[in-house]
Amino acid sequence: MTIAPGGVDIVRDVLADLSDSMKAITFRFPEAALTCTVGVGSRVWASLMQSAPPAQLRPFTPVVGARHTAPATPGDLLFHIRAERADVCFFFEKRLLSDLGAAVHVVDETVGFRSFDRRDLLGFVDGTANPVGPASDAAVLVADEDPAHTGGTYVVTQKYVHAMAEWDSLPVETQERILGRTKVDGIELDDAPSGQQSHKSLATIEDEHGVEHDIVRDNMPFGRPGAGEFGTYFLGYSRNLWVIQQMIERMFIGHPPGMHDRLLDFSTALTGTVFFAPSAAELDALGSG
């Protein structure tokens, strides 16, 4: 969403009451496990949150490669709503939009779903490289490096649509080389010693000391078969924004440059936004001003 002129105060009130709004639904349907992650963009952070922005927060940086582009698109607010029941998501979103009213403009609404054993629409298990347990918190949550925003995280979103007919026409072995994993069981293939790298290799980020930096991918497949629309909504959560930025640059420009991620020949990025998701405590504190 973007915030309309004069809408900041209304949005702030809604965010301050968000936890109470959710309780009205979670109390009735606890088995639905409703959650809502809120992201705030750099354009409105200072006026909405009434605090200095997180250290790394900035607008999405477009990446222009020789053949493919990762565009930047508008976005002041992100609401990532999840539950085990689609009707619970629906009614929570309906109430949320009613509360926000004319204070916001919906730029994009994407309804995703869990596909079989967490496979994307390309047929591969998604998110197998995600850290788990304490390693997940360490990869995602801001800590002592930015004390005012401890417990929050940076969120990058991109909406991709897939050319399914072209992808499905490829032999499985070719698909596996492009992704860098086996299709049936998701086992990682060895990196290419040189030249064209797989998506898995390009999305593996190491710093100058050779330390690998993880992110948490919470991607969602979406689509409308009747309209010929098939896609993946990328949601990347990271403690450090530069990790996802470098990942996108390696995909669209290539590593080495000129050898872009071949997955992009079948997947087109339509959107690109950056948010910071404050902790629940930071959101609740909006109501104490």
C-alpha atoms as a PDB file:
ATOM      1  CA  MET A   1       0.000   0.000   0.000  1.00  0.00           C
ATOM      2  CA  THR A   2       0.899   3.656  -0.268  1.00  0.00           C
ATOM      3  CA  ILE A   3      -0.303   6.199   2.277  1.00  0.00           C
ATOM      4  CA  ALA A   4      -2.561   8.925   0.940  1.00  0.00           C
ATOM      5  CA  PRO A   5      -1.855  12.600   1.719  1.00  0.00           C
ATOM      6  CA  GLY A   6      -3.067  13.300   5.242  1.00  0.00           C
ATOM      7  CA  GLY A   7      -3.446   9.614   6.048  1.00  0.00           C
ATOM      8  CA  VAL A   8      -0.450   9.083   8.321  1.00  0.00           C
ATOM      9  CA  ASP A   9      -2.296   9.641  11.625  1.00  0.00           C
ATOM     10  CA  ILE A  10      -5.023   7.138  10.726  1.00  0.00           C
ATOM     11  CA  VAL A  11      -2.459   4.542   9.691  1.00  0.00           C
ATOM     12  CA  ARG A  12      -0.523   5.055  12.925  1.00  0.00           C
ATOM     13  CA  ASP A  13      -3.665   4.480  14.993  1.00  0.00           C
ATOM     14  CA  VAL A  14      -4.469   1.294  13.072  1.00  0.00           C
ATOM     15  CA  LEU A  15      -0.938  -0.067  13.533  1.00  0.00           C
ATOM     16  CA  ALA A  16      -1.019   0.752  17.250  1.00  0.00           C
ATOM     17  CA  ASP A  17      -4.255  -1.266  17.606  1.00  0.00           C
ATOM     18  CA  LEU A  18      -3.214  -4.091  15.282  1.00  0.00           C
ATOM     19  CA  SER A  19      -2.467  -6.639  17.992  1.00  0.00           C
ATOM     20  CA  ASP A  20      -5.892  -6.069  19.570  1.00  0.00           C
ATOM     21  CA  SER A  21      -7.569  -6.334  16.170  1.00  0.00           C
ATOM     22  CA  MET A  22      -5.891  -9.678  15.614  1.00  0.00           C
ATOM     23  CA  LYS A  23      -6.918 -10.962  19.042  1.00  0.00           C
ATOM     24  CA  ALA A  24     -10.579 -10.561  18.118  1.00  0.00           C
ATOM     25  CA  ILE A  25     -10.028 -13.180  15.399  1.00  0.00           C
ATOM     26  CA  THR A  26      -7.381 -15.404  16.992  1.00  0.00           C
ATOM     27  CA  PHE A  27      -9.540 -15.814  20.104  1.00  0.00           C
ATOM     28  CA  ARG A  28     -12.365 -17.249  17.977  1.00  0.00           C
ATOM     29  CA  PHE A  29     -10.169 -19.317  15.652  1.00  0.00           C
ATOM     30  CA  PRO A  30      -6.942 -20.203  17.491  1.00  0.00           C
ATOM     31  CA  GLU A  31      -6.336 -23.208  15.242  1.00  0.00           C
ATOM     32  CA  ALA A  32      -5.966 -20.859  12.249  1.00  0.00           C
ATOM     33  CA  ALA A  33      -2.621 -19.536  13.601  1.00  0.00           C
ATOM     34  CA  LEU A  34      -3.204 -16.066  12.134  1.00  0.00           C
ATOM     35  CA  THR A  35      -0.149 -13.811  11.882  1.00  0.00           C
ATOM     36  CA  CYS A  36       0.462 -10.451  10.255  1.00  0.00           C
ATOM     37  CA  THR A  37       3.899  -9.017   9.583  1.00  0.00           C
ATOM     38  CA  VAL A  38       3.879  -5.254   8.988  1.00  0.00           C
ATOM     39  CA  GLY A  39       6.565  -3.576   6.891  1.00  0.00           C
ATOM     40  CA  VAL A  40       7.136   0.175   6.673  1.00  0.00           C
ATOM     41  CA  GLY A  41       8.915   1.858   3.765  1.00  0.00           C
ATOM     42  CA  SER A  42      11.576   4.550   3.937  1.00  0.00           C
ATOM     43  CA  ARG A  43       9.374   7.308   2.464  1.00  0.00           C
ATOM     44  CA  VAL A  44       7.001   7.336   5.417  1.00  0.00           C
ATOM     45  CA  TRP A  45       9.054   5.904   8.272  1.00  0.00           C
ATOM     46  CA  ALA A  46       9.884   9.175  10.053  1.00  0.00           C
ATOM     47  CA  SER A  47       6.371  10.641   9.847  1.00  0.00           C
ATOM     48  CA  LEU A  48       4.547   7.386  10.595  1.00  0.00           C
ATOM     49  CA  MET A  49       6.769   5.819  13.246  1.00  0.00           C
ATOM     50  CA  GLN A  50       7.938   9.164  14.694  1.00  0.00           C
ATOM     51  CA  SER A  51      11.480   7.886  15.121  1.00  0.00           C
ATOM     52  CA  ALA A  52      14.751   7.778  13.235  1.00  0.00           C
ATOM     53  CA  PRO A  53      14.596   5.090  10.536  1.00  0.00           C
ATOM     54  CA  PRO A  54      16.519   1.809  10.767  1.00  0.00           C
ATOM     55  CA  ALA A  55      20.133   2.245   9.711  1.00  0.00           C
ATOM     56  CA  GLN A  56      19.899   0.370   6.388  1.00  0.00           C
ATOM     57  CA  LEU A  57      16.352   1.286   5.326  1.00  0.00           C
ATOM     58  CA  ARG A  58      16.131   2.816   1.851  1.00  0.00           C
ATOM     59  CA  PRO A  59      14.021   2.485  -1.303  1.00  0.00           C
ATOM     60  CA  PHE A  60      14.428  -0.561  -3.510  1.00  0.00           C
ATOM     61  CA  THR A  61      17.382  -0.137  -5.858  1.00  0.00           C
ATOM     62  CA  PRO A  62      16.527  -1.206  -9.439  1.00  0.00           C
ATOM     63  CA  VAL A  63      18.970  -3.641 -11.004  1.00  0.00           C
ATOM     64  CA  VAL A  64      19.363  -3.445 -14.777  1.00  0.00           C
ATOM     65  CA  GLY A  65      21.094  -6.341 -16.430  1.00  0.00           C
ATOM     66  CA  ALA A  66      21.914  -6.931 -20.069  1.00  0.00           C
ATOM     67  CA  ARG A  67      18.660  -8.864 -20.616  1.00  0.00           C
ATOM     68  CA  HIS A  68      16.530  -8.563 -17.481  1.00  0.00           C
ATOM     69  CA  THR A  69      15.568  -5.809 -15.025  1.00  0.00           C
ATOM     70  CA  ALA A  70      14.524  -5.867 -11.382  1.00  0.00           C
ATOM     71  CA  PRO A  71      12.213  -2.826 -11.211  1.00  0.00           C
ATOM     72  CA  ALA A  72      11.411  -0.619  -8.232  1.00  0.00           C
ATOM     73  CA  THR A  73       7.713  -0.034  -7.526  1.00  0.00           C
ATOM     74  CA  PRO A  74       5.796   2.070  -4.960  1.00  0.00           C
ATOM     75  CA  GLY A  75       5.164   0.770  -1.459  1.00  0.00           C
ATOM     76  CA  ASP A  76       4.864   2.468   1.939  1.00  0.00           C
ATOM     77  CA  LEU A  77       3.259  -0.419   3.818  1.00  0.00           C
ATOM     78  CA  LEU A  78       3.411  -4.204   3.589  1.00  0.00           C
ATOM     79  CA  PHE A  79       0.943  -6.502   5.314  1.00  0.00           C
ATOM     80  CA  HIS A  80       2.029 -10.132   5.071  1.00  0.00           C
ATOM     81  CA  ILE A  81      -1.014 -11.998   6.361  1.00  0.00           C
ATOM     82  CA  ARG A  82      -0.777 -15.752   6.975  1.00  0.00           C
ATOM     83  CA  ALA A  83      -3.061 -18.393   8.450  1.00  0.00           C
ATOM     84  CA  GLU A  84      -3.992 -22.044   8.100  1.00  0.00           C
ATOM     85  CA  ARG A  85      -7.426 -20.958   6.816  1.00  0.00           C
ATOM     86  CA  ALA A  86      -8.017 -18.745   3.801  1.00  0.00           C
ATOM     87  CA  ASP A  87     -11.272 -17.384   5.236  1.00  0.00           C
ATOM     88  CA  VAL A  88      -9.477 -16.091   8.331  1.00  0.00           C
ATOM     89  CA  CYS A  89      -6.953 -14.250   6.130  1.00  0.00           C
ATOM     90  CA  PHE A  90      -9.834 -12.848   4.077  1.00  0.00           C
ATOM     91  CA  PHE A  91     -11.825 -11.468   6.979  1.00  0.00           C
ATOM     92  CA  PHE A  92      -8.766 -10.049   8.724  1.00  0.00           C
ATOM     93  CA  GLU A  93      -7.737  -8.243   5.530  1.00  0.00           C
ATOM     94  CA  LYS A  94     -11.304  -6.993   5.064  1.00  0.00           C
ATOM     95  CA  ARG A  95     -11.331  -5.528   8.572  1.00  0.00           C
ATOM     96  CA  LEU A  96      -7.866  -4.059   8.145  1.00  0.00           C
ATOM     97  CA  LEU A  97      -8.803  -2.274   4.928  1.00  0.00           C
ATOM     98  CA  SER A  98     -12.026  -1.021   6.508  1.00  0.00           C
ATOM     99  CA  ASP A  99     -10.050   0.472   9.396  1.00  0.00           C
ATOM    100  CA  LEU A 100      -7.519   2.099   7.054  1.00  0.00           C
ATOM    101  CA  GLY A 101     -10.178   3.414   4.681  1.00  0.00           C
ATOM    102  CA  ALA A 102      -9.160   6.285   2.417  1.00  0.00           C
ATOM    103  CA  ALA A 103      -5.859   6.702   4.279  1.00  0.00           C
ATOM    104  CA  VAL A 104      -4.201   4.158   1.972  1.00  0.00           C
ATOM    105  CA  HIS A 105      -4.127   3.041  -1.635  1.00  0.00           C
ATOM    106  CA  VAL A 106      -3.691  -0.647  -2.399  1.00  0.00           C
ATOM    107  CA  VAL A 107      -0.896  -0.976  -4.949  1.00  0.00           C
ATOM    108  CA  ASP A 108      -0.825  -4.766  -5.095  1.00  0.00           C
ATOM    109  CA  GLU A 109      -2.866  -7.551  -3.520  1.00  0.00           C
ATOM    110  CA  THR A 110      -1.519 -11.057  -4.019  1.00  0.00           C
ATOM    111  CA  VAL A 111      -3.215 -14.124  -2.589  1.00  0.00           C
ATOM    112  CA  GLY A 112      -0.770 -16.981  -2.263  1.00  0.00           C
ATOM    113  CA  PHE A 113      -1.171 -20.585  -1.178  1.00  0.00           C
ATOM    114  CA  ARG A 114       0.839 -23.508   0.107  1.00  0.00           C
ATOM    115  CA  SER A 115       1.558 -25.845  -2.785  1.00  0.00           C
ATOM    116  CA  PHE A 116       1.877 -29.560  -2.018  1.00  0.00           C
ATOM    117  CA  ASP A 117       5.106 -30.180  -0.039  1.00  0.00           C
ATOM    118  CA  ARG A 118       6.035 -26.471  -0.182  1.00  0.00           C
ATOM    119  CA  ARG A 119       6.851 -26.560  -3.890  1.00  0.00           C
ATOM    120  CA  ASP A 120       6.723 -23.496  -6.109  1.00  0.00           C
ATOM    121  CA  LEU A 121       4.839 -23.587  -9.391  1.00  0.00           C
ATOM    122  CA  LEU A 122       8.065 -24.516 -11.183  1.00  0.00           C
ATOM    123  CA  GLY A 123       7.867 -27.833  -9.344  1.00  0.00           C
ATOM    124  CA  PHE A 124      10.802 -27.383  -6.935  1.00  0.00           C
ATOM    125  CA  VAL A 125      10.701 -27.314  -3.129  1.00  0.00           C
ATOM    126  CA  ASP A 126      11.171 -23.667  -2.124  1.00  0.00           C
ATOM    127  CA  GLY A 127      13.134 -22.386   0.873  1.00  0.00           C
ATOM    128  CA  THR A 128      15.220 -25.501   1.513  1.00  0.00           C
ATOM    129  CA  ALA A 129      18.248 -23.319   2.313  1.00  0.00           C
ATOM    130  CA  ASN A 130      16.439 -21.378   5.041  1.00  0.00           C
ATOM    131  CA  PRO A 131      18.211 -21.390   8.414  1.00  0.00           C
ATOM    132  CA  VAL A 132      16.345 -23.039  11.287  1.00  0.00           C
ATOM    133  CA  GLY A 133      16.182 -22.549  15.049  1.00  0.00           C
ATOM    134  CA  PRO A 134      18.562 -20.002  16.599  1.00  0.00           C
ATOM    135  CA  ALA A 135      20.345 -19.605  13.261  1.00  0.00           C
ATOM    136  CA  SER A 136      17.121 -18.203  11.800  1.00  0.00           C
ATOM    137  CA  ASP A 137      16.886 -15.437  14.414  1.00  0.00           C
ATOM    138  CA  ALA A 138      20.562 -14.605  13.932  1.00  0.00           C
ATOM    139  CA  ALA A 139      20.094 -14.287  10.164  1.00  0.00           C
ATOM    140  CA  VAL A 140      16.903 -12.244  10.314  1.00  0.00           C
ATOM    141  CA  LEU A 141      16.589 -10.134  13.465  1.00  0.00           C
ATOM    142  CA  VAL A 142      18.405  -6.826  13.951  1.00  0.00           C
ATOM    143  CA  ALA A 143      20.318  -6.768  17.237  1.00  0.00           C
ATOM    144  CA  ASP A 144      22.966  -4.600  18.918  1.00  0.00           C
ATOM    145  CA  GLU A 145      24.081  -3.019  15.644  1.00  0.00           C
ATOM    146  CA  ASP A 146      20.882  -0.902  15.673  1.00  0.00           C
ATOM    147  CA  PRO A 147      19.564  -0.883  19.269  1.00  0.00           C
ATOM    148  CA  ALA A 148      16.531   1.304  18.573  1.00  0.00           C
ATOM    149  CA  HIS A 149      15.168  -1.321  16.184  1.00  0.00           C
ATOM    150  CA  THR A 150      16.215  -4.548  17.877  1.00  0.00           C
ATOM    151  CA  GLY A 151      13.978  -7.462  16.989  1.00  0.00           C
ATOM    152  CA  GLY A 152      12.916  -6.029  13.635  1.00  0.00           C
ATOM    153  CA  THR A 153      13.956  -7.176  10.185  1.00  0.00           C
ATOM    154  CA  TYR A 154      14.378  -5.924   6.626  1.00  0.00           C
ATOM    155  CA  VAL A 155      11.933  -7.267   4.060  1.00  0.00           C
ATOM    156  CA  VAL A 156      12.386  -7.257   0.288  1.00  0.00           C
ATOM    157  CA  THR A 157       9.465  -8.217  -1.926  1.00  0.00           C
ATOM    158  CA  GLN A 158       9.370  -9.035  -5.635  1.00  0.00           C
ATOM    159  CA  LYS A 159       6.446 -10.402  -7.602  1.00  0.00           C
ATOM    160  CA  TYR A 160       7.513 -12.784 -10.383  1.00  0.00           C
ATOM    161  CA  VAL A 161       5.360 -14.299 -13.120  1.00  0.00           C
ATOM    162  CA  HIS A 162       6.478 -17.468 -14.870  1.00  0.00           C
ATOM    163  CA  ALA A 163       6.341 -18.519 -18.511  1.00  0.00           C
ATOM    164  CA  MET A 164       5.061 -21.953 -17.588  1.00  0.00           C
ATOM    165  CA  ALA A 165       4.681 -23.425 -21.078  1.00  0.00           C
ATOM    166  CA  GLU A 166       8.313 -22.649 -21.902  1.00  0.00           C
ATOM    167  CA  TRP A 167       9.518 -23.901 -18.513  1.00  0.00           C
ATOM    168  CA  ASP A 168       7.522 -27.123 -18.681  1.00  0.00           C
ATOM    169  CA  SER A 169       8.946 -27.835 -22.140  1.00  0.00           C
ATOM    170  CA  LEU A 170      12.473 -28.095 -20.696  1.00  0.00           C
ATOM    171  CA  PRO A 171      13.891 -31.506 -19.782  1.00  0.00           C
ATOM    172  CA  VAL A 172      13.994 -32.059 -16.025  1.00  0.00           C
ATOM    173  CA  GLU A 173      17.795 -32.254 -16.157  1.00  0.00           C
ATOM    174  CA  THR A 174      17.936 -28.759 -17.677  1.00  0.00           C
ATOM    175  CA  GLN A 175      15.576 -27.400 -15.036  1.00  0.00           C
ATOM    176  CA  GLU A 176      17.766 -28.919 -12.331  1.00  0.00           C
ATOM    177  CA  ARG A 177      20.919 -27.314 -13.756  1.00  0.00           C
ATOM    178  CA  ILE A 178      19.184 -23.919 -13.829  1.00  0.00           C
ATOM    179  CA  LEU A 179      17.960 -24.204 -10.217  1.00  0.00           C
ATOM    180  CA  GLY A 180      21.003 -26.062  -8.858  1.00  0.00           C
ATOM    181  CA  ARG A 181      18.903 -28.708  -7.101  1.00  0.00           C
ATOM    182  CA  THR A 182      17.297 -32.018  -7.928  1.00  0.00           C
ATOM    183  CA  LYS A 183      13.584 -31.678  -8.608  1.00  0.00           C
ATOM    184  CA  VAL A 184      12.220 -34.635  -6.672  1.00  0.00           C
ATOM    185  CA  ASP A 185      14.088 -34.343  -3.385  1.00  0.00           C
ATOM    186  CA  GLY A 186      15.732 -30.877  -3.480  1.00  0.00           C
ATOM    187  CA  ILE A 187      19.323 -32.080  -3.075  1.00  0.00           C
ATOM    188  CA  GLU A 188      21.896 -29.414  -3.941  1.00  0.00           C
ATOM    189  CA  LEU A 189      24.002 -29.995  -7.038  1.00  0.00           C
ATOM    190  CA  ASP A 190      27.699 -29.103  -7.089  1.00  0.00           C
ATOM    191  CA  ASP A 191      28.562 -25.548  -8.119  1.00  0.00           C
ATOM    192  CA  ALA A 192      29.926 -25.092 -11.617  1.00  0.00           C
ATOM    193  CA  PRO A 193      33.720 -24.567 -11.401  1.00  0.00           C
ATOM    194  CA  SER A 194      33.434 -21.599 -13.803  1.00  0.00           C
ATOM    195  CA  GLY A 195      31.109 -19.941 -16.274  1.00  0.00           C
ATOM    196  CA  GLN A 196      27.328 -20.111 -15.949  1.00  0.00           C
ATOM    197  CA  GLN A 197      26.169 -20.514 -12.355  1.00  0.00           C
ATOM    198  CA  SER A 198      22.884 -21.973 -11.132  1.00  0.00           C
ATOM    199  CA  HIS A 199      20.232 -20.007  -9.250  1.00  0.00           C
ATOM    200  CA  LYS A 200      21.314 -21.728  -6.037  1.00  0.00           C
ATOM    201  CA  SER A 201      24.933 -20.634  -6.501  1.00  0.00           C
ATOM    202  CA  LEU A 202      24.063 -17.051  -7.466  1.00  0.00           C
ATOM    203  CA  ALA A 203      21.773 -16.725  -4.430  1.00  0.00           C
ATOM    204  CA  THR A 204      24.478 -17.908  -2.016  1.00  0.00           C
ATOM    205  CA  ILE A 205      26.101 -14.800  -0.542  1.00  0.00           C
ATOM    206  CA  GLU A 206      29.464 -14.659   1.223  1.00  0.00           C
ATOM    207  CA  ASP A 207      31.223 -11.614   2.638  1.00  0.00           C
ATOM    208  CA  GLU A 208      34.855 -10.651   2.102  1.00  0.00           C
ATOM    209  CA  HIS A 209      35.878 -13.086   4.843  1.00  0.00           C
ATOM    210  CA  GLY A 210      34.167 -16.031   3.196  1.00  0.00           C
ATOM    211  CA  VAL A 211      31.340 -16.106   5.750  1.00  0.00           C
ATOM    212  CA  GLU A 212      27.993 -17.123   4.238  1.00  0.00           C
ATOM    213  CA  HIS A 213      25.022 -14.897   5.089  1.00  0.00           C
ATOM    214  CA  ASP A 214      21.581 -16.508   5.145  1.00  0.00           C
ATOM    215  CA  ILE A 215      18.151 -14.998   4.669  1.00  0.00           C
ATOM    216  CA  VAL A 216      14.701 -16.455   5.321  1.00  0.00           C
ATOM    217  CA  ARG A 217      12.604 -16.887   2.183  1.00  0.00           C
ATOM    218  CA  ASP A 218       8.885 -16.933   2.841  1.00  0.00           C
ATOM    219  CA  ASN A 219       7.870 -17.167  -0.803  1.00  0.00           C
ATOM    220  CA  MET A 220       4.310 -17.851  -1.896  1.00  0.00           C
ATOM    221  CA  PRO A 221       3.071 -19.386  -5.143  1.00  0.00           C
ATOM    222  CA  PHE A 222       0.075 -17.612  -6.642  1.00  0.00           C
ATOM    223  CA  GLY A 223      -1.876 -17.785  -9.847  1.00  0.00           C
ATOM    224  CA  ARG A 224      -5.082 -17.764 -11.847  1.00  0.00           C
ATOM    225  CA  PRO A 225      -5.035 -20.657 -14.317  1.00  0.00           C
ATOM    226  CA  GLY A 226      -8.016 -19.264 -16.189  1.00  0.00           C
ATOM    227  CA  ALA A 227      -6.083 -16.069 -16.847  1.00  0.00           C
ATOM    228  CA  GLY A 228      -2.841 -17.877 -17.636  1.00  0.00           C
ATOM    229  CA  GLU A 229      -1.147 -16.290 -14.600  1.00  0.00           C
ATOM    230  CA  PHE A 230       1.397 -18.320 -12.638  1.00  0.00           C
ATOM    231  CA  GLY A 231       3.924 -16.811 -10.289  1.00  0.00           C
ATOM    232  CA  THR A 232       6.002 -16.635  -7.145  1.00  0.00           C
ATOM    233  CA  TYR A 233       5.803 -13.805  -4.639  1.00  0.00           C
ATOM    234  CA  PHE A 234       9.307 -13.465  -3.187  1.00  0.00           C
ATOM    235  CA  LEU A 235       9.525 -12.329   0.431  1.00  0.00           C
ATOM    236  CA  GLY A 236      13.074 -12.165   1.735  1.00  0.00           C
ATOM    237  CA  TYR A 237      13.664 -11.432   5.427  1.00  0.00           C
ATOM    238  CA  SER A 238      17.180 -10.433   6.439  1.00  0.00           C
ATOM    239  CA  ARG A 239      19.131  -8.802   9.239  1.00  0.00           C
ATOM    240  CA  ASN A 240      21.239  -7.045   6.602  1.00  0.00           C
ATOM    241  CA  LEU A 241      19.648  -5.479   3.554  1.00  0.00           C
ATOM    242  CA  TRP A 242      22.867  -5.683   1.551  1.00  0.00           C
ATOM    243  CA  VAL A 243      22.650  -9.482   1.501  1.00  0.00           C
ATOM    244  CA  ILE A 244      19.443  -9.503  -0.547  1.00  0.00           C
ATOM    245  CA  GLN A 245      20.646  -6.588  -2.671  1.00  0.00           C
ATOM    246  CA  GLN A 246      23.774  -8.520  -3.630  1.00  0.00           C
ATOM    247  CA  MET A 247      21.678 -11.595  -4.321  1.00  0.00           C
ATOM    248  CA  ILE A 248      19.477  -9.678  -6.764  1.00  0.00           C
ATOM    249  CA  GLU A 249      22.504  -8.087  -8.449  1.00  0.00           C
ATOM    250  CA  ARG A 250      24.121 -11.483  -8.955  1.00  0.00           C
ATOM    251  CA  MET A 251      20.896 -12.837 -10.439  1.00  0.00           C
ATOM    252  CA  PHE A 252      20.196  -9.993 -12.859  1.00  0.00           C
ATOM    253  CA  ILE A 253      23.736  -8.922 -13.767  1.00  0.00           C
ATOM    254  CA  GLY A 254      25.448 -12.263 -13.384  1.00  0.00           C
ATOM    255  CA  HIS A 255      28.494 -13.567 -11.575  1.00  0.00           C
ATOM    256  CA  PRO A 256      30.607 -13.230 -13.587  1.00  0.00           C
ATOM    257  CA  PRO A 257      28.793 -10.253 -15.178  1.00  0.00           C
ATOM    258  CA  GLY A 258      27.001 -11.146 -18.385  1.00  0.00           C
ATOM    259  CA  MET A 259      25.927 -14.583 -17.155  1.00  0.00           C
ATOM    260  CA  HIS A 260      22.588 -13.802 -15.527  1.00  0.00           C
ATOM    261  CA  ASP A 261      20.497 -16.305 -13.628  1.00  0.00           C
ATOM    262  CA  ARG A 262      18.900 -18.440 -16.345  1.00  0.00           C
ATOM    263  CA  LEU A 263      15.777 -18.718 -14.197  1.00  0.00           C
ATOM    264  CA  LEU A 264      15.039 -15.134 -15.270  1.00  0.00           C
ATOM    265  CA  ASP A 265      14.559 -16.319 -18.850  1.00  0.00           C
ATOM    266  CA  PHE A 266      11.353 -17.918 -17.544  1.00  0.00           C
ATOM    267  CA  SER A 267      10.490 -15.603 -14.627  1.00  0.00           C
ATOM    268  CA  THR A 268       9.791 -11.861 -14.970  1.00  0.00           C
ATOM    269  CA  ALA A 269       9.979  -9.478 -11.992  1.00  0.00           C
ATOM    270  CA  LEU A 270       6.992  -7.112 -11.916  1.00  0.00           C
ATOM    271  CA  THR A 271       7.605  -5.350  -8.597  1.00  0.00           C
ATOM    272  CA  GLY A 272      10.388  -4.475  -6.175  1.00  0.00           C
ATOM    273  CA  THR A 273      10.026  -2.931  -2.717  1.00  0.00           C
ATOM    274  CA  VAL A 274      11.961  -2.632   0.537  1.00  0.00           C
ATOM    275  CA  PHE A 275      10.429  -2.416   4.005  1.00  0.00           C
ATOM    276  CA  PHE A 276      11.482  -2.690   7.617  1.00  0.00           C
ATOM    277  CA  ALA A 277       9.259  -4.849   9.795  1.00  0.00           C
ATOM    278  CA  PRO A 278       9.420  -3.469  13.350  1.00  0.00           C
ATOM    279  CA  SER A 279       9.012  -5.755  16.328  1.00  0.00           C
ATOM    280  CA  ALA A 280       5.562  -6.172  17.858  1.00  0.00           C
ATOM    281  CA  ALA A 281       6.742  -4.123  20.838  1.00  0.00           C
ATOM    282  CA  GLU A 282       7.745  -1.230  18.576  1.00  0.00           C
ATOM    283  CA  LEU A 283       4.331  -1.296  16.872  1.00  0.00           C
ATOM    284  CA  ASP A 284       2.484  -1.454  20.192  1.00  0.00           C
ATOM    285  CA  ALA A 285       4.492   1.538  21.438  1.00  0.00           C
ATOM    286  CA  LEU A 286       2.864   3.698  18.747  1.00  0.00           C
ATOM    287  CA  GLY A 287      -0.212   3.812  20.923  1.00  0.00           C
ATOM    288  CA  SER A 288       1.606   5.256  23.921  1.00  0.00           C
ATOM    289  CA  GLY A 289       2.461   8.603  22.331  1.00  0.00           C
END
